[in-house]
Amino acid sequence: MRGRELARRAAHLLREAPQVVGQLLAIVDHFVDFLGGRVSHLPAGRARGILLSQQVAHVIRLLLLLGCQLIGRFGHRVEAAGGVLLLDAAQQVGGLAQAVGSAAGVGRTGILGDGPPHVVVGLPQAVERLLRRLLADVGGLLNLPGNDLAGVRYLRSLEDSKTLRTHAASAKRALVIGGGFIGMEVASVLAQKGVSTTMVLPEDRIWKRFFTPAMSGFFESYYRARGVKFLKQAKLAELRGQGALSSAKLDSGETLECDLVVAGIGVLPVTEPLANSGIQMDNGVLVNEYLETNQPNIYAAGDVANYQDTLYGKRRRVEHWDNAVSQGQHCAHTLLGERAPFIHVPYFFSDVFDLSYELWGDPADADEIVERGDLSEPSFSVWWLREEQLVAAFTMNRPDEERDAAQRWLVNKVRVSAVKLKNAGSVAEAGRGL
């Protein structure tokens, strides 16, 4: 199911890579020290930029690497254009600089601006200098005694993943903090590696923000059957150990032995480096429906972007790679002169144990919930409606027609009867005539 979607995206990138990468290389080539407070000197109509989160930075790196190969094969010519590229991904410093350097040459330079300050820099050095200026704490860290002990881990980068995998190979008892999709994925992997795993949730059920009580009940039972334990409405108070983690104390006073703690508690957007830039910020970087900041020709995309969602009429900041990919692609098209609002159905997917599920939309304001299938078995779908309009959908091991209908109905704001959706032999039947 997702294989076809990934193949479609790969084909799309292959078709557009030379043009998009050419523009991105040109943007980096015309680098300016934006964080130095020089935004007022950017000439209107010429300077363009993207403010990218860590996930988007990874996507851009892949685009650059792919583009380097295509440029070499097809002899694509890179056209110059002014711009600013801002990345907050420390992990991409070396790799991105190397990718850009291999395509454009270490000696290549660029100039931006009609008046002072003119900036002339070598391309890879410019990327590295900019990225190092943006190194900052990603936020969302465990704020309690002992959080610096060996054995306290996070999962926010490829390096985090490699470190966690190495540590899990020798771990005996693990606590996973948080009951969202990251916590669920980590717990399932650790349990399959034979690590005694306990999930510590501040809420009374797993992924309460999105799951219905029945959905939470299914996943909790599935996890328990595979050895995962749950501590609900519980919080850590202290992590203990002599250099390395050995136990954790809960706010109830209970002490749990553990040699690994993984925090899946979300992230806080890093905006400190932009404090004096004039860019408006509130739970991230504020952008409009075009992903534009309040500064001319400066854009934000990915985890850091607090954007105006025109489908739901509310502001939204999403911490998932699909959103980062889609917004990064949208910004690239905008930089190529294709100005259009960012219209995208919020989307999550996850693989846990032998299950794979997808969730589209925002169930927060639903007034009716429809379940299809048996929620005691690993094949069901859930549909959230508001005033008979679909606002969110979840599918797991269901016919493709259900996932296709979910996306189409959400984008088109289709109205459907809850009774009809519940009782119809198929979603196609329920949607007939819509």
Protein backbone atom coordinates (compact mmCIF):
# COMPACT_ATOMS: atom_id res chain seq x y z
CA MET A 1 0.00 0.00 0.00
CA ARG A 2 2.66 2.52 1.00
CA GLY A 3 5.05 0.93 -1.51
CA ARG A 4 2.99 2.28 -4.40
CA GLU A 5 2.86 5.72 -2.79
CA LEU A 6 6.63 5.78 -2.29
CA ALA A 7 7.17 4.68 -5.87
CA ARG A 8 4.89 7.47 -7.08
CA ARG A 9 6.82 10.05 -5.05
CA ALA A 10 10.15 8.74 -6.26
CA ALA A 11 9.01 9.02 -9.87
CA HIS A 12 7.82 12.57 -9.20
CA LEU A 13 11.20 13.53 -7.73
CA LEU A 14 13.07 11.95 -10.62
CA ARG A 15 11.09 14.02 -13.09
CA GLU A 16 11.62 17.30 -11.26
CA ALA A 17 15.01 16.83 -9.61
CA PRO A 18 17.21 18.70 -12.14
CA GLN A 19 15.05 21.82 -12.07
CA VAL A 20 14.47 21.83 -8.31
CA VAL A 21 18.08 21.03 -7.44
CA GLY A 22 19.30 23.68 -9.85
CA GLN A 23 17.21 26.29 -8.06
CA LEU A 24 18.32 25.08 -4.63
CA LEU A 25 21.99 25.19 -5.62
CA ALA A 26 21.48 28.69 -6.94
CA ILE A 27 19.89 29.74 -3.65
CA VAL A 28 22.81 28.41 -1.66
CA ASP A 29 25.21 29.98 -4.17
CA HIS A 30 23.72 33.41 -3.41
CA PHE A 31 24.12 33.01 0.34
CA VAL A 32 23.66 35.93 2.74
CA ASP A 33 24.20 36.13 6.50
CA PHE A 34 20.52 36.54 7.37
CA LEU A 35 21.05 35.92 11.06
CA GLY A 36 23.37 38.90 11.23
CA GLY A 37 20.34 41.16 11.19
CA ARG A 38 20.74 42.11 7.52
CA VAL A 39 17.30 41.16 6.31
CA SER A 40 16.53 44.82 5.53
CA HIS A 41 19.27 44.77 2.89
CA LEU A 42 17.73 41.93 0.89
CA PRO A 43 16.60 43.48 -2.41
CA ALA A 44 12.86 43.03 -2.92
CA GLY A 45 11.94 40.61 -5.68
CA ARG A 46 15.38 39.04 -5.82
CA ALA A 47 16.08 37.48 -2.45
CA ARG A 48 14.23 34.28 -1.76
CA GLY A 49 14.64 31.82 1.05
CA ILE A 50 13.51 28.81 3.01
CA LEU A 51 13.73 28.19 6.72
CA LEU A 52 13.90 24.42 7.00
CA SER A 53 13.54 22.08 9.95
CA GLN A 54 15.73 19.02 10.50
CA GLN A 55 13.47 16.65 8.58
CA VAL A 56 13.18 18.99 5.61
CA ALA A 57 16.96 19.47 5.64
CA HIS A 58 17.32 15.71 5.22
CA VAL A 59 14.92 15.77 2.28
CA ILE A 60 16.82 18.64 0.66
CA ARG A 61 20.06 16.72 1.11
CA LEU A 62 18.55 13.72 -0.66
CA LEU A 63 17.29 15.99 -3.42
CA LEU A 64 20.76 17.46 -3.82
CA LEU A 65 22.40 14.05 -3.93
CA LEU A 66 19.87 12.83 -6.48
CA GLY A 67 20.23 16.04 -8.45
CA CYS A 68 24.01 15.72 -8.55
CA GLN A 69 23.62 12.36 -10.29
CA LEU A 70 21.04 13.70 -12.73
CA ILE A 71 23.07 16.82 -13.46
CA GLY A 72 26.08 14.62 -14.21
CA ARG A 73 24.04 12.35 -16.48
CA PHE A 74 22.00 14.91 -18.39
CA GLY A 75 24.33 17.92 -18.26
CA HIS A 76 21.69 20.13 -16.63
CA ARG A 77 22.72 23.77 -16.49
CA VAL A 78 22.20 25.56 -13.17
CA GLU A 79 20.75 29.05 -13.57
CA ALA A 80 21.65 31.72 -11.01
CA ALA A 81 19.00 33.28 -8.78
CA GLY A 82 19.19 35.14 -5.49
CA GLY A 83 18.16 33.52 -2.27
CA VAL A 84 18.66 32.48 1.33
CA LEU A 85 18.74 28.91 2.62
CA LEU A 86 18.44 28.45 6.37
CA LEU A 87 18.72 25.00 7.95
CA ASP A 88 18.50 24.07 11.61
CA ALA A 89 19.86 20.55 11.20
CA ALA A 90 23.25 20.07 12.81
CA GLN A 91 23.53 16.56 11.44
CA GLN A 92 23.44 17.80 7.86
CA VAL A 93 26.49 20.11 8.04
CA GLY A 94 29.04 17.75 6.52
CA GLY A 95 26.75 15.80 4.22
CA LEU A 96 24.97 18.79 2.71
CA ALA A 97 28.20 20.72 2.20
CA GLN A 98 29.72 17.69 0.49
CA ALA A 99 26.68 17.22 -1.74
CA VAL A 100 26.60 20.86 -2.78
CA GLY A 101 30.36 20.94 -3.28
CA SER A 102 30.35 17.86 -5.49
CA ALA A 103 27.74 19.42 -7.77
CA ALA A 104 28.95 23.00 -7.92
CA GLY A 105 32.65 22.82 -7.10
CA VAL A 106 34.45 24.04 -4.00
CA GLY A 107 35.65 27.19 -5.72
CA ARG A 108 32.25 28.39 -6.86
CA THR A 109 31.14 31.69 -5.32
CA GLY A 110 28.09 33.90 -5.37
CA ILE A 111 27.09 37.50 -4.62
CA LEU A 112 23.73 38.69 -3.31
CA GLY A 113 22.46 42.24 -3.13
CA ASP A 114 22.68 45.51 -5.02
CA GLY A 115 24.01 47.46 -2.04
CA PRO A 116 25.98 46.62 1.10
CA PRO A 117 26.53 44.18 2.54
CA HIS A 118 27.68 42.16 -0.46
CA VAL A 119 28.56 38.61 0.55
CA VAL A 120 31.04 36.56 -1.46
CA VAL A 121 31.64 33.07 -0.09
CA GLY A 122 32.85 29.64 -1.21
CA LEU A 123 29.83 27.38 -1.50
CA PRO A 124 30.56 24.47 0.87
CA GLN A 125 32.10 26.79 3.46
CA ALA A 126 29.00 28.97 3.30
CA VAL A 127 26.69 26.05 3.98
CA GLU A 128 28.83 24.82 6.86
CA ARG A 129 29.13 28.32 8.37
CA LEU A 130 25.38 28.88 8.17
CA LEU A 131 24.50 25.52 9.65
CA ARG A 132 26.93 25.90 12.51
CA ARG A 133 25.36 29.26 13.34
CA LEU A 134 22.05 27.45 13.74
CA LEU A 135 23.17 24.66 16.06
CA ALA A 136 20.81 24.70 19.02
CA ASP A 137 19.04 22.45 21.49
CA VAL A 138 16.10 20.87 19.68
CA GLY A 139 13.90 21.19 22.78
CA GLY A 140 11.56 18.65 24.29
CA LEU A 141 14.28 17.14 26.51
CA LEU A 142 13.55 15.42 29.80
CA ASN A 143 13.79 18.20 32.37
CA LEU A 144 14.54 16.30 35.55
CA PRO A 145 17.50 15.15 37.67
CA GLY A 146 19.65 12.51 35.98
CA ASN A 147 18.73 13.39 32.39
CA ASP A 148 22.42 13.39 31.45
CA LEU A 149 23.06 9.79 32.55
CA ALA A 150 24.28 7.26 30.01
CA GLY A 151 21.23 5.30 28.89
CA VAL A 152 18.89 8.30 28.45
CA ARG A 153 18.05 8.45 24.75
CA TYR A 154 15.98 10.37 22.23
CA LEU A 155 14.97 9.57 18.66
CA ARG A 156 15.28 12.66 16.46
CA SER A 157 17.98 11.85 13.93
CA LEU A 158 19.71 9.01 12.15
CA GLU A 159 22.56 9.20 14.65
CA ASP A 160 20.05 8.93 17.53
CA SER A 161 18.64 5.82 15.86
CA LYS A 162 22.07 4.23 15.46
CA THR A 163 23.00 4.98 19.07
CA LEU A 164 19.68 3.65 20.36
CA ARG A 165 20.03 0.44 18.35
CA THR A 166 23.52 -0.13 19.76
CA HIS A 167 22.37 0.49 23.32
CA ALA A 168 19.26 -1.69 22.91
CA ALA A 169 21.44 -4.67 21.99
CA SER A 170 22.66 -4.90 25.60
CA ALA A 171 19.69 -3.35 27.44
CA LYS A 172 17.65 -5.48 29.83
CA ARG A 173 14.89 -3.16 31.06
CA ALA A 174 13.64 -0.08 29.22
CA LEU A 175 11.18 2.70 29.98
CA VAL A 176 9.58 4.47 27.03
CA ILE A 177 8.26 7.90 28.00
CA GLY A 178 5.23 9.05 26.05
CA GLY A 179 2.31 7.29 24.39
CA GLY A 180 2.29 8.87 20.93
CA PHE A 181 3.37 7.27 17.66
CA ILE A 182 7.11 7.65 18.39
CA GLY A 183 6.74 6.00 21.80
CA MET A 184 4.62 3.24 20.30
CA GLU A 185 7.16 2.53 17.56
CA VAL A 186 10.12 2.50 19.96
CA ALA A 187 8.33 0.22 22.43
CA SER A 188 7.40 -2.27 19.70
CA VAL A 189 11.00 -2.46 18.43
CA LEU A 190 12.49 -2.86 21.91
CA ALA A 191 10.00 -5.58 22.81
CA GLN A 192 10.85 -7.48 19.63
CA LYS A 193 14.53 -7.30 20.59
CA GLY A 194 13.75 -9.05 23.86
CA VAL A 195 14.05 -5.95 26.06
CA SER A 196 11.62 -5.83 28.99
CA THR A 197 9.70 -2.68 28.02
CA THR A 198 7.35 -0.43 30.00
CA MET A 199 5.55 2.57 28.54
CA VAL A 200 5.07 5.47 30.95
CA LEU A 201 2.07 7.61 29.96
CA PRO A 202 0.88 10.87 31.54
CA GLU A 203 -2.59 10.12 30.10
CA ASP A 204 -5.02 7.33 30.99
CA ARG A 205 -4.67 5.56 27.62
CA ILE A 206 -2.32 5.28 24.67
CA TRP A 207 -2.22 8.12 22.09
CA LYS A 208 -5.25 9.79 23.61
CA ARG A 209 -4.80 12.83 21.36
CA PHE A 210 -5.87 10.87 18.25
CA PHE A 211 -7.18 7.43 19.20
CA THR A 212 -10.71 6.72 20.37
CA PRO A 213 -11.01 4.70 23.61
CA ALA A 214 -11.74 1.57 21.57
CA MET A 215 -8.65 2.12 19.41
CA SER A 216 -6.47 2.66 22.47
CA GLY A 217 -7.92 -0.51 23.97
CA PHE A 218 -7.02 -2.55 20.90
CA PHE A 219 -3.41 -1.36 20.77
CA GLU A 220 -2.88 -1.73 24.51
CA SER A 221 -4.10 -5.33 24.36
CA TYR A 222 -1.93 -6.02 21.33
CA TYR A 223 1.13 -4.64 23.11
CA ARG A 224 0.47 -6.49 26.36
CA ALA A 225 0.18 -9.75 24.46
CA ARG A 226 3.72 -9.08 23.22
CA GLY A 227 5.19 -8.29 26.62
CA VAL A 228 4.88 -4.50 26.85
CA LYS A 229 3.69 -3.10 30.18
CA PHE A 230 1.90 0.20 30.79
CA LEU A 231 2.10 2.73 33.61
CA LYS A 232 -0.70 5.22 33.03
CA GLN A 233 -1.20 8.68 34.51
CA ALA A 234 2.39 8.49 35.66
CA LYS A 235 5.35 10.84 35.33
CA LEU A 236 9.07 10.54 35.95
CA ALA A 237 10.45 12.52 38.86
CA GLU A 238 14.12 11.49 38.80
CA LEU A 239 16.59 9.31 36.94
CA ARG A 240 19.23 7.61 39.07
CA GLY A 241 22.59 5.99 38.55
CA GLN A 242 26.35 6.40 38.95
CA GLY A 243 27.31 7.69 35.53
CA ALA A 244 24.97 5.21 33.86
CA LEU A 245 21.22 4.85 34.32
CA SER A 246 20.15 2.19 36.81
CA SER A 247 16.65 3.21 37.97
CA ALA A 248 13.89 5.78 37.64
CA LYS A 249 11.69 7.29 40.33
CA LEU A 250 8.07 8.17 39.49
CA ASP A 251 6.18 11.10 40.94
CA SER A 252 4.18 8.55 42.96
CA GLY A 253 7.40 7.56 44.76
CA GLU A 254 7.65 4.18 43.03
CA THR A 255 11.13 3.19 41.81
CA LEU A 256 11.67 1.14 38.66
CA GLU A 257 14.90 -0.58 37.70
CA CYS A 258 15.97 0.26 34.14
CA ASP A 259 19.13 0.65 32.09
CA LEU A 260 17.50 2.46 29.16
CA VAL A 261 15.04 5.36 28.97
CA VAL A 262 13.76 6.59 25.62
CA ALA A 263 11.86 9.88 25.56
CA GLY A 264 9.18 10.14 22.88
CA ILE A 265 7.74 13.40 24.17
CA GLY A 266 7.71 15.55 21.05
CA VAL A 267 9.91 18.55 20.34
CA LEU A 268 9.90 22.28 20.89
CA PRO A 269 10.61 24.36 17.79
CA VAL A 270 14.00 26.06 17.92
CA THR A 271 13.45 29.76 17.26
CA GLU A 272 16.16 31.33 19.42
CA PRO A 273 18.59 31.87 16.50
CA LEU A 274 15.92 34.05 14.85
CA ALA A 275 15.21 36.19 17.91
CA ASN A 276 16.46 39.41 16.32
CA SER A 277 15.40 38.68 12.76
CA GLY A 278 11.98 40.34 12.80
CA ILE A 279 10.30 37.06 11.92
CA GLN A 280 7.09 36.49 13.90
CA MET A 281 7.13 33.39 16.10
CA ASP A 282 4.56 31.60 18.23
CA ASN A 283 4.95 27.86 18.80
CA GLY A 284 7.35 27.87 15.88
CA VAL A 285 7.72 30.27 12.97
CA LEU A 286 4.40 31.84 11.96
CA VAL A 287 3.63 31.52 8.26
CA ASN A 288 0.53 32.07 6.16
CA GLU A 289 -1.16 29.60 3.81
CA TYR A 290 1.68 30.10 1.32
CA LEU A 291 4.26 29.17 4.02
CA GLU A 292 5.50 32.78 3.91
CA THR A 293 6.79 34.48 7.04
CA ASN A 294 6.07 38.15 7.73
CA GLN A 295 9.45 38.96 6.14
CA PRO A 296 9.36 39.26 2.34
CA ASN A 297 10.44 36.13 0.47
CA ILE A 298 11.38 34.16 3.59
CA TYR A 299 9.56 30.85 4.04
CA ALA A 300 9.30 28.22 6.76
CA ALA A 301 8.68 24.51 6.25
CA GLY A 302 8.58 21.34 8.35
CA ASP A 303 8.42 20.87 12.10
CA VAL A 304 9.25 24.52 12.79
CA ALA A 305 6.44 25.96 10.63
CA ASN A 306 3.23 27.05 12.36
CA TYR A 307 1.10 27.41 9.25
CA GLN A 308 -2.46 28.42 8.41
CA ASP A 309 -4.30 25.25 7.42
CA THR A 310 -6.92 26.32 4.91
CA LEU A 311 -8.65 22.92 4.90
CA TYR A 312 -9.49 23.12 8.61
CA GLY A 313 -9.42 26.87 9.17
CA LYS A 314 -6.90 26.72 11.99
CA ARG A 315 -3.20 27.05 12.69
CA ARG A 316 -1.19 23.85 12.77
CA ARG A 317 2.37 22.69 13.44
CA VAL A 318 3.07 19.06 12.53
CA GLU A 319 5.96 16.85 13.70
CA HIS A 320 5.94 14.16 11.04
CA TRP A 321 8.14 13.55 8.02
CA ASP A 322 5.27 13.55 5.53
CA ASN A 323 4.46 17.15 6.42
CA ALA A 324 8.15 18.07 6.18
CA VAL A 325 8.49 16.48 2.74
CA SER A 326 5.31 18.09 1.41
CA GLN A 327 6.12 21.57 2.71
CA GLY A 328 9.70 21.35 1.47
CA GLN A 329 8.44 20.45 -2.00
CA HIS A 330 5.89 23.25 -1.86
CA CYS A 331 8.58 25.81 -0.99
CA ALA A 332 10.75 24.57 -3.83
CA HIS A 333 7.89 25.12 -6.29
CA THR A 334 7.25 28.57 -4.82
CA LEU A 335 10.89 29.47 -5.35
CA LEU A 336 10.43 28.41 -8.96
CA GLY A 337 7.66 30.98 -9.31
CA GLU A 338 4.62 28.73 -8.74
CA ARG A 339 2.86 30.64 -5.94
CA ALA A 340 -0.10 28.70 -4.54
CA PRO A 341 -1.50 28.01 -1.05
CA PHE A 342 -0.25 24.91 0.74
CA ILE A 343 -3.24 22.57 0.80
CA HIS A 344 -2.39 19.29 2.45
CA VAL A 345 -4.35 16.79 4.52
CA PRO A 346 -2.46 16.16 7.79
CA TYR A 347 -1.11 12.60 7.61
CA PHE A 348 0.58 10.06 9.83
CA PHE A 349 1.58 6.48 9.24
CA SER A 350 3.26 4.04 11.53
CA ASP A 351 4.51 0.46 11.68
CA VAL A 352 4.34 -1.31 15.05
CA PHE A 353 5.05 -5.02 15.49
CA ASP A 354 3.44 -6.58 12.41
CA LEU A 355 0.82 -3.83 12.04
CA SER A 356 0.80 -0.89 9.66
CA TYR A 357 -1.72 1.94 9.92
CA GLU A 358 -2.44 5.38 8.46
CA LEU A 359 -4.30 8.38 9.80
CA TRP A 360 -5.45 11.41 7.83
CA GLY A 361 -7.00 14.66 9.00
CA ASP A 362 -7.79 16.15 12.39
CA PRO A 363 -10.36 14.44 14.64
CA ALA A 364 -10.31 17.17 17.32
CA ASP A 365 -13.68 18.77 16.51
CA ALA A 366 -15.61 15.66 15.39
CA ASP A 367 -19.15 15.15 16.68
CA GLU A 368 -19.67 11.61 15.29
CA ILE A 369 -17.37 8.59 15.03
CA VAL A 370 -17.98 5.63 12.72
CA GLU A 371 -16.15 2.32 13.07
CA ARG A 372 -15.88 -0.21 10.26
CA GLY A 373 -14.59 -3.69 10.92
CA ASP A 374 -13.96 -5.46 14.23
CA LEU A 375 -11.87 -3.41 16.68
CA SER A 376 -10.83 -6.57 18.49
CA GLU A 377 -9.03 -7.68 15.31
CA PRO A 378 -6.13 -5.98 13.45
CA SER A 379 -8.30 -4.88 10.52
CA PHE A 380 -10.57 -1.88 10.99
CA SER A 381 -11.11 1.73 10.03
CA VAL A 382 -12.40 4.71 11.99
CA TRP A 383 -14.08 7.77 10.47
CA TRP A 384 -14.57 11.09 12.26
CA LEU A 385 -17.37 13.41 11.07
CA ARG A 386 -18.41 16.93 11.94
CA GLU A 387 -21.88 17.95 10.79
CA GLU A 388 -21.74 14.97 8.39
CA GLN A 389 -18.49 16.15 6.83
CA LEU A 390 -15.47 13.86 7.05
CA VAL A 391 -12.68 15.48 9.10
CA ALA A 392 -10.39 12.48 9.84
CA ALA A 393 -9.94 8.80 8.98
CA PHE A 394 -7.84 5.88 10.23
CA THR A 395 -7.26 2.66 8.30
CA MET A 396 -5.38 -0.52 9.19
CA ASN A 397 -5.30 -3.57 6.92
CA ARG A 398 -8.36 -2.37 5.02
CA PRO A 399 -9.25 -2.41 1.29
CA ASP A 400 -7.45 0.23 -0.76
CA GLU A 401 -10.80 1.83 -1.59
CA GLU A 402 -11.06 2.99 2.03
CA ARG A 403 -7.70 4.78 2.13
CA ASP A 404 -8.36 6.28 -1.31
CA ALA A 405 -11.78 7.53 -0.26
CA ALA A 406 -10.42 8.97 2.97
CA GLN A 407 -7.95 11.23 1.19
CA ARG A 408 -10.37 12.25 -1.56
CA TRP A 409 -13.26 13.01 0.78
CA LEU A 410 -11.08 15.07 3.12
CA VAL A 411 -9.67 17.24 0.35
CA ASN A 412 -13.10 17.74 -1.24
CA LYS A 413 -14.85 18.24 2.13
CA VAL A 414 -17.38 15.55 1.27
CA ARG A 415 -20.51 15.17 3.38
CA VAL A 416 -21.63 11.64 4.22
CA SER A 417 -24.22 10.13 6.55
CA ALA A 418 -22.74 8.37 9.58
CA VAL A 419 -25.47 5.72 9.40
CA LYS A 420 -24.80 5.11 5.73
CA LEU A 421 -21.05 4.91 6.27
CA LYS A 422 -21.50 2.47 9.14
CA ASN A 423 -23.96 0.13 7.46
CA ALA A 424 -22.89 0.20 3.81
CA GLY A 425 -21.28 -2.96 2.45
CA SER A 426 -18.36 -0.86 1.24
CA VAL A 427 -17.11 2.71 1.45
CA ALA A 428 -17.74 3.01 -2.29
CA GLU A 429 -21.38 2.18 -1.66
CA ALA A 430 -21.57 4.73 1.15
CA GLY A 431 -20.05 7.38 -1.09
CA ARG A 432 -22.23 6.65 -4.11
CA GLY A 433 -23.82 9.83 -5.34
CA LEU A 434 -21.52 12.11 -3.37
